[in-house]
């Protein structure tokens, strides 16, 4: 990639490889299967440039070169494949949340359980609360391949770092890809604990972000 507008010290090849690495890790951790989910980052130091996974391609068949460079209008700037069908959802987040530099969408089982039930994922585990900044809300079901969905999702997520799409999956955000991915893992872990705890009690112990006094993971 030789686009002159890209920051000179930004290694786009390394960034593409990092996205692919986290895609493969999402399969390893059981967050995604087949062609589910997508990952994107904001290109640092350059306005209106983003890297995102391609559409309809299995992660274990994906190469770093398949990661697509797009602008804020979801137009391809560089790439041999089309971007994820949910690219407009990612762009809505980047417009609404200037603090967000990376997005991970996955479809993990226990997060989806609570999406189907229609109940938030509560702050049962401290790391989840720190990463998400509170309970994870459930967005009512809508088809996700359009900008309106992205706007509605941002309304549901607010200033939090995670939201569940009912009957679909989980989206997490962060200042970098590592934190966005760690948030996905933490939410799914808390979702699993909440499901198991429900078999033992109707009143699980739940933590509140505002009273924790902690902003970094333990």
C-alpha atoms as a PDB file:
ATOM      1  CA  UNK A   1       0.000   0.000   0.000  1.00  0.00           C
ATOM      2  CA  UNK A   2       1.552   3.301  -1.090  1.00  0.00           C
ATOM      3  CA  UNK A   3      -1.239   5.803  -0.389  1.00  0.00           C
ATOM      4  CA  UNK A   4       0.602   9.015   0.480  1.00  0.00           C
ATOM      5  CA  UNK A   5      -1.987  10.082   3.059  1.00  0.00           C
ATOM      6  CA  UNK A   6      -1.043   7.226   5.396  1.00  0.00           C
ATOM      7  CA  UNK A   7       1.150   8.117   8.324  1.00  0.00           C
ATOM      8  CA  UNK A   8       4.760   7.442   7.393  1.00  0.00           C
ATOM      9  CA  UNK A   9       5.527   5.433  10.531  1.00  0.00           C
ATOM     10  CA  UNK A  10       2.362   3.297  10.273  1.00  0.00           C
ATOM     11  CA  UNK A  11       3.153  -0.244   9.185  1.00  0.00           C
ATOM     12  CA  UNK A  12      -0.012  -1.276   7.331  1.00  0.00           C
ATOM     13  CA  UNK A  13       1.305  -4.785   6.672  1.00  0.00           C
ATOM     14  CA  UNK A  14       1.885  -5.343  10.384  1.00  0.00           C
ATOM     15  CA  UNK A  15      -1.577  -3.951  11.170  1.00  0.00           C
ATOM     16  CA  UNK A  16      -3.192  -6.318   8.698  1.00  0.00           C
ATOM     17  CA  UNK A  17      -1.301  -9.233  10.219  1.00  0.00           C
ATOM     18  CA  UNK A  18      -2.387  -8.208  13.725  1.00  0.00           C
ATOM     19  CA  UNK A  19      -6.041  -8.211  12.640  1.00  0.00           C
ATOM     20  CA  UNK A  20      -5.629 -11.666  11.123  1.00  0.00           C
ATOM     21  CA  UNK A  21      -3.917 -12.914  14.294  1.00  0.00           C
ATOM     22  CA  UNK A  22      -6.879 -11.797  16.406  1.00  0.00           C
ATOM     23  CA  UNK A  23      -9.324 -13.346  13.931  1.00  0.00           C
ATOM     24  CA  UNK A  24      -7.573 -16.685  14.372  1.00  0.00           C
ATOM     25  CA  UNK A  25      -7.466 -16.177  18.132  1.00  0.00           C
ATOM     26  CA  UNK A  26     -11.212 -15.566  18.156  1.00  0.00           C
ATOM     27  CA  UNK A  27     -11.670 -19.044  16.678  1.00  0.00           C
ATOM     28  CA  UNK A  28      -9.205 -20.536  19.166  1.00  0.00           C
ATOM     29  CA  UNK A  29     -11.148 -18.981  22.054  1.00  0.00           C
ATOM     30  CA  UNK A  30     -14.504 -20.135  20.702  1.00  0.00           C
ATOM     31  CA  UNK A  31     -15.791 -16.627  20.003  1.00  0.00           C
ATOM     32  CA  UNK A  32     -16.318 -17.170  16.274  1.00  0.00           C
ATOM     33  CA  UNK A  33     -16.799 -20.015  13.806  1.00  0.00           C
ATOM     34  CA  UNK A  34     -16.776 -20.262  10.032  1.00  0.00           C
ATOM     35  CA  UNK A  35     -17.139 -16.712   8.599  1.00  0.00           C
ATOM     36  CA  UNK A  36     -18.839 -15.206  11.641  1.00  0.00           C
ATOM     37  CA  UNK A  37     -17.833 -11.869  13.115  1.00  0.00           C
ATOM     38  CA  UNK A  38     -15.499  -9.131  11.926  1.00  0.00           C
ATOM     39  CA  UNK A  39     -12.668  -6.950  13.199  1.00  0.00           C
ATOM     40  CA  UNK A  40     -11.576  -3.429  12.315  1.00  0.00           C
ATOM     41  CA  UNK A  41      -9.176  -0.709  13.425  1.00  0.00           C
ATOM     42  CA  UNK A  42      -8.895   3.014  12.879  1.00  0.00           C
ATOM     43  CA  UNK A  43      -5.663   3.884  11.024  1.00  0.00           C
ATOM     44  CA  UNK A  44      -3.720   6.046  13.503  1.00  0.00           C
ATOM     45  CA  UNK A  45      -2.827   9.601  12.592  1.00  0.00           C
ATOM     46  CA  UNK A  46      -4.841   9.552   9.366  1.00  0.00           C
ATOM     47  CA  UNK A  47      -8.348  10.903   9.036  1.00  0.00           C
ATOM     48  CA  UNK A  48     -11.008   8.694   7.462  1.00  0.00           C
ATOM     49  CA  UNK A  49      -9.027   5.479   6.967  1.00  0.00           C
ATOM     50  CA  UNK A  50      -9.869   2.089   8.501  1.00  0.00           C
ATOM     51  CA  UNK A  51      -8.796  -1.531   8.127  1.00  0.00           C
ATOM     52  CA  UNK A  52     -11.500  -4.218   8.275  1.00  0.00           C
ATOM     53  CA  UNK A  53     -11.854  -7.918   7.598  1.00  0.00           C
ATOM     54  CA  UNK A  54     -13.293  -8.963   4.216  1.00  0.00           C
ATOM     55  CA  UNK A  55     -16.758 -10.337   3.637  1.00  0.00           C
ATOM     56  CA  UNK A  56     -17.615 -14.044   3.483  1.00  0.00           C
ATOM     57  CA  UNK A  57     -14.152 -15.511   3.989  1.00  0.00           C
ATOM     58  CA  UNK A  58     -13.268 -18.131   6.581  1.00  0.00           C
ATOM     59  CA  UNK A  59     -10.573 -16.970   8.986  1.00  0.00           C
ATOM     60  CA  UNK A  60      -8.436 -20.057   8.456  1.00  0.00           C
ATOM     61  CA  UNK A  61      -8.416 -19.296   4.707  1.00  0.00           C
ATOM     62  CA  UNK A  62      -7.724 -15.583   5.178  1.00  0.00           C
ATOM     63  CA  UNK A  63      -4.342 -13.952   4.607  1.00  0.00           C
ATOM     64  CA  UNK A  64      -3.136 -10.598   5.880  1.00  0.00           C
ATOM     65  CA  UNK A  65      -3.404  -9.209   2.355  1.00  0.00           C
ATOM     66  CA  UNK A  66      -7.159  -9.881   2.422  1.00  0.00           C
ATOM     67  CA  UNK A  67      -7.725  -7.212   5.101  1.00  0.00           C
ATOM     68  CA  UNK A  68      -9.395  -4.243   3.380  1.00  0.00           C
ATOM     69  CA  UNK A  69      -8.584  -0.524   3.684  1.00  0.00           C
ATOM     70  CA  UNK A  70     -11.738   1.593   3.546  1.00  0.00           C
ATOM     71  CA  UNK A  71     -12.803   5.187   4.137  1.00  0.00           C
ATOM     72  CA  UNK A  72     -15.590   6.438   6.382  1.00  0.00           C
ATOM     73  CA  UNK A  73     -18.101   5.991   3.581  1.00  0.00           C
ATOM     74  CA  UNK A  74     -17.244   2.273   3.514  1.00  0.00           C
ATOM     75  CA  UNK A  75     -15.571   2.615   0.110  1.00  0.00           C
ATOM     76  CA  UNK A  76     -12.595   0.380  -0.663  1.00  0.00           C
ATOM     77  CA  UNK A  77      -9.314   2.289  -0.855  1.00  0.00           C
ATOM     78  CA  UNK A  78      -7.068  -0.747  -1.080  1.00  0.00           C
ATOM     79  CA  UNK A  79      -7.883  -4.446  -1.168  1.00  0.00           C
ATOM     80  CA  UNK A  80      -8.672  -7.276  -3.511  1.00  0.00           C
ATOM     81  CA  UNK A  81     -11.887  -8.260  -1.689  1.00  0.00           C
ATOM     82  CA  UNK A  82     -14.959  -6.427  -0.488  1.00  0.00           C
ATOM     83  CA  UNK A  83     -15.192  -5.330   3.160  1.00  0.00           C
ATOM     84  CA  UNK A  84     -17.372  -7.032   5.751  1.00  0.00           C
ATOM     85  CA  UNK A  85     -21.089  -6.710   5.075  1.00  0.00           C
ATOM     86  CA  UNK A  86     -21.304  -4.954   8.459  1.00  0.00           C
ATOM     87  CA  UNK A  87     -18.728  -2.294   7.546  1.00  0.00           C
ATOM     88  CA  UNK A  88     -21.310   0.500   7.887  1.00  0.00           C
ATOM     89  CA  UNK A  89     -21.913  -0.581  11.487  1.00  0.00           C
ATOM     90  CA  UNK A  90     -18.217  -0.161  12.237  1.00  0.00           C
ATOM     91  CA  UNK A  91     -18.170   3.252  10.559  1.00  0.00           C
ATOM     92  CA  UNK A  92     -21.127   4.382  12.691  1.00  0.00           C
ATOM     93  CA  UNK A  93     -19.157   3.494  15.830  1.00  0.00           C
ATOM     94  CA  UNK A  94     -16.055   5.359  14.672  1.00  0.00           C
ATOM     95  CA  UNK A  95     -18.132   8.461  13.897  1.00  0.00           C
ATOM     96  CA  UNK A  96     -19.963   8.394  17.217  1.00  0.00           C
ATOM     97  CA  UNK A  97     -17.061   7.313  19.434  1.00  0.00           C
ATOM     98  CA  UNK A  98     -13.780   9.179  18.761  1.00  0.00           C
ATOM     99  CA  UNK A  99     -12.285   7.293  21.727  1.00  0.00           C
ATOM    100  CA  UNK A 100     -12.653   3.992  19.852  1.00  0.00           C
ATOM    101  CA  UNK A 101      -9.755   2.780  17.695  1.00  0.00           C
ATOM    102  CA  UNK A 102     -10.700  -0.893  17.338  1.00  0.00           C
ATOM    103  CA  UNK A 103     -13.863  -2.989  17.085  1.00  0.00           C
ATOM    104  CA  UNK A 104     -14.412  -6.724  17.542  1.00  0.00           C
ATOM    105  CA  UNK A 105     -17.706  -8.342  16.547  1.00  0.00           C
ATOM    106  CA  UNK A 106     -18.077 -11.997  17.505  1.00  0.00           C
ATOM    107  CA  UNK A 107     -20.817 -14.557  18.037  1.00  0.00           C
ATOM    108  CA  UNK A 108     -19.976 -16.403  21.279  1.00  0.00           C
ATOM    109  CA  UNK A 109     -22.467 -18.853  22.746  1.00  0.00           C
ATOM    110  CA  UNK A 110     -23.078 -17.529  26.253  1.00  0.00           C
ATOM    111  CA  UNK A 111     -23.286 -13.879  25.217  1.00  0.00           C
ATOM    112  CA  UNK A 112     -25.859 -14.972  22.659  1.00  0.00           C
ATOM    113  CA  UNK A 113     -27.778 -16.872  25.335  1.00  0.00           C
ATOM    114  CA  UNK A 114     -28.398 -13.604  27.180  1.00  0.00           C
ATOM    115  CA  UNK A 115     -29.213 -11.903  23.896  1.00  0.00           C
ATOM    116  CA  UNK A 116     -31.930 -14.481  23.282  1.00  0.00           C
ATOM    117  CA  UNK A 117     -33.201 -14.193  26.860  1.00  0.00           C
ATOM    118  CA  UNK A 118     -33.171 -10.413  26.537  1.00  0.00           C
ATOM    119  CA  UNK A 119     -31.341  -9.826  29.827  1.00  0.00           C
ATOM    120  CA  UNK A 120     -28.171  -7.736  30.238  1.00  0.00           C
ATOM    121  CA  UNK A 121     -24.875  -9.398  31.061  1.00  0.00           C
ATOM    122  CA  UNK A 122     -24.304  -8.229  34.614  1.00  0.00           C
ATOM    123  CA  UNK A 123     -21.067  -7.261  36.323  1.00  0.00           C
ATOM    124  CA  UNK A 124     -20.412 -10.645  37.869  1.00  0.00           C
ATOM    125  CA  UNK A 125     -16.652 -10.536  37.164  1.00  0.00           C
ATOM    126  CA  UNK A 126     -14.415  -7.601  37.973  1.00  0.00           C
ATOM    127  CA  UNK A 127     -12.363  -7.600  34.753  1.00  0.00           C
ATOM    128  CA  UNK A 128     -15.499  -7.438  32.631  1.00  0.00           C
ATOM    129  CA  UNK A 129     -16.784  -4.476  34.594  1.00  0.00           C
ATOM    130  CA  UNK A 130     -13.472  -2.651  34.207  1.00  0.00           C
ATOM    131  CA  UNK A 131     -13.311  -3.279  30.455  1.00  0.00           C
ATOM    132  CA  UNK A 132     -16.964  -2.623  29.644  1.00  0.00           C
ATOM    133  CA  UNK A 133     -17.525   0.123  32.267  1.00  0.00           C
ATOM    134  CA  UNK A 134     -20.774  -1.489  33.380  1.00  0.00           C
ATOM    135  CA  UNK A 135     -23.413  -4.090  32.606  1.00  0.00           C
ATOM    136  CA  UNK A 136     -23.603  -5.068  28.940  1.00  0.00           C
ATOM    137  CA  UNK A 137     -26.956  -4.065  27.411  1.00  0.00           C
ATOM    138  CA  UNK A 138     -28.995  -6.080  24.917  1.00  0.00           C
ATOM    139  CA  UNK A 139     -29.959  -4.339  21.689  1.00  0.00           C
ATOM    140  CA  UNK A 140     -33.311  -5.543  20.285  1.00  0.00           C
ATOM    141  CA  UNK A 141     -33.006  -7.602  17.116  1.00  0.00           C
ATOM    142  CA  UNK A 142     -32.506  -5.818  13.800  1.00  0.00           C
ATOM    143  CA  UNK A 143     -30.769  -6.847  10.595  1.00  0.00           C
ATOM    144  CA  UNK A 144     -27.209  -5.640  10.961  1.00  0.00           C
ATOM    145  CA  UNK A 145     -25.975  -4.856   7.462  1.00  0.00           C
ATOM    146  CA  UNK A 146     -26.971  -1.184   7.343  1.00  0.00           C
ATOM    147  CA  UNK A 147     -26.091   2.197   8.809  1.00  0.00           C
ATOM    148  CA  UNK A 148     -29.383   2.562  10.707  1.00  0.00           C
ATOM    149  CA  UNK A 149     -28.546  -0.554  12.689  1.00  0.00           C
ATOM    150  CA  UNK A 150     -25.183   0.981  13.568  1.00  0.00           C
ATOM    151  CA  UNK A 151     -26.805   4.163  14.830  1.00  0.00           C
ATOM    152  CA  UNK A 152     -29.343   2.238  16.915  1.00  0.00           C
ATOM    153  CA  UNK A 153     -26.566   0.070  18.289  1.00  0.00           C
ATOM    154  CA  UNK A 154     -24.537   3.118  19.303  1.00  0.00           C
ATOM    155  CA  UNK A 155     -27.609   4.448  21.101  1.00  0.00           C
ATOM    156  CA  UNK A 156     -27.898   1.169  23.025  1.00  0.00           C
ATOM    157  CA  UNK A 157     -24.177   0.983  23.837  1.00  0.00           C
ATOM    158  CA  UNK A 158     -23.771   4.637  24.819  1.00  0.00           C
ATOM    159  CA  UNK A 159     -20.404   5.212  26.491  1.00  0.00           C
ATOM    160  CA  UNK A 160     -19.964   1.539  27.361  1.00  0.00           C
ATOM    161  CA  UNK A 161     -17.456  -0.694  25.590  1.00  0.00           C
ATOM    162  CA  UNK A 162     -19.758  -3.611  24.760  1.00  0.00           C
ATOM    163  CA  UNK A 163     -23.245  -4.402  23.532  1.00  0.00           C
ATOM    164  CA  UNK A 164     -25.044  -7.634  22.651  1.00  0.00           C
ATOM    165  CA  UNK A 165     -27.082  -7.801  19.448  1.00  0.00           C
ATOM    166  CA  UNK A 166     -30.142  -9.884  20.303  1.00  0.00           C
ATOM    167  CA  UNK A 167     -30.307 -13.168  18.357  1.00  0.00           C
ATOM    168  CA  UNK A 168     -26.959 -12.432  16.753  1.00  0.00           C
ATOM    169  CA  UNK A 169     -23.765 -11.651  18.664  1.00  0.00           C
ATOM    170  CA  UNK A 170     -21.498  -9.369  20.642  1.00  0.00           C
ATOM    171  CA  UNK A 171     -19.666  -6.169  19.731  1.00  0.00           C
ATOM    172  CA  UNK A 172     -16.841  -4.724  21.826  1.00  0.00           C
ATOM    173  CA  UNK A 173     -14.704  -1.629  21.348  1.00  0.00           C
ATOM    174  CA  UNK A 174     -11.465  -0.291  22.747  1.00  0.00           C
ATOM    175  CA  UNK A 175      -8.604   2.184  22.373  1.00  0.00           C
ATOM    176  CA  UNK A 176      -6.646  -0.571  20.628  1.00  0.00           C
ATOM    177  CA  UNK A 177      -7.286  -4.023  19.214  1.00  0.00           C
ATOM    178  CA  UNK A 178      -5.788  -5.848  22.182  1.00  0.00           C
ATOM    179  CA  UNK A 179      -8.173  -4.168  24.624  1.00  0.00           C
ATOM    180  CA  UNK A 180     -11.190  -4.597  22.342  1.00  0.00           C
ATOM    181  CA  UNK A 181     -10.449  -8.318  22.077  1.00  0.00           C
ATOM    182  CA  UNK A 182      -9.812  -8.696  25.803  1.00  0.00           C
ATOM    183  CA  UNK A 183     -13.200  -7.095  26.391  1.00  0.00           C
ATOM    184  CA  UNK A 184     -14.859  -9.709  24.176  1.00  0.00           C
ATOM    185  CA  UNK A 185     -13.200 -12.516  26.141  1.00  0.00           C
ATOM    186  CA  UNK A 186     -14.154 -10.917  29.472  1.00  0.00           C
ATOM    187  CA  UNK A 187     -17.799 -10.439  28.452  1.00  0.00           C
ATOM    188  CA  UNK A 188     -18.154 -14.034  27.295  1.00  0.00           C
ATOM    189  CA  UNK A 189     -16.574 -15.290  30.530  1.00  0.00           C
ATOM    190  CA  UNK A 190     -18.976 -13.206  32.632  1.00  0.00           C
ATOM    191  CA  UNK A 191     -21.918 -14.354  30.499  1.00  0.00           C
ATOM    192  CA  UNK A 192     -20.969 -17.962  31.200  1.00  0.00           C
ATOM    193  CA  UNK A 193     -20.598 -17.375  34.946  1.00  0.00           C
ATOM    194  CA  UNK A 194     -23.939 -15.567  35.040  1.00  0.00           C
ATOM    195  CA  UNK A 195     -25.654 -18.488  33.312  1.00  0.00           C
ATOM    196  CA  UNK A 196     -24.192 -21.003  35.774  1.00  0.00           C
ATOM    197  CA  UNK A 197     -24.846 -18.767  38.792  1.00  0.00           C
ATOM    198  CA  UNK A 198     -28.503 -18.576  37.786  1.00  0.00           C
ATOM    199  CA  UNK A 199     -28.846 -22.261  38.579  1.00  0.00           C
ATOM    200  CA  UNK A 200     -27.835 -21.572  42.178  1.00  0.00           C
ATOM    201  CA  UNK A 201     -29.271 -18.173  43.070  1.00  0.00           C
ATOM    202  CA  UNK A 202     -31.681 -15.491  41.939  1.00  0.00           C
ATOM    203  CA  UNK A 203     -29.529 -12.793  43.530  1.00  0.00           C
ATOM    204  CA  UNK A 204     -25.951 -13.045  42.230  1.00  0.00           C
ATOM    205  CA  UNK A 205     -23.335 -10.646  43.577  1.00  0.00           C
ATOM    206  CA  UNK A 206     -22.951  -7.892  41.000  1.00  0.00           C
ATOM    207  CA  UNK A 207     -20.231  -5.221  40.864  1.00  0.00           C
ATOM    208  CA  UNK A 208     -20.807  -1.572  39.969  1.00  0.00           C
ATOM    209  CA  UNK A 209     -18.224   0.205  37.805  1.00  0.00           C
ATOM    210  CA  UNK A 210     -18.735   3.620  39.378  1.00  0.00           C
ATOM    211  CA  UNK A 211     -17.979   2.331  42.871  1.00  0.00           C
ATOM    212  CA  UNK A 212     -15.027   0.101  41.997  1.00  0.00           C
ATOM    213  CA  UNK A 213     -12.490   2.900  41.797  1.00  0.00           C
ATOM    214  CA  UNK A 214     -10.436   0.828  39.337  1.00  0.00           C
ATOM    215  CA  UNK A 215      -9.887   1.634  35.653  1.00  0.00           C
ATOM    216  CA  UNK A 216      -7.231  -0.954  34.724  1.00  0.00           C
ATOM    217  CA  UNK A 217      -7.533  -4.737  34.556  1.00  0.00           C
ATOM    218  CA  UNK A 218      -6.314  -6.761  37.510  1.00  0.00           C
END
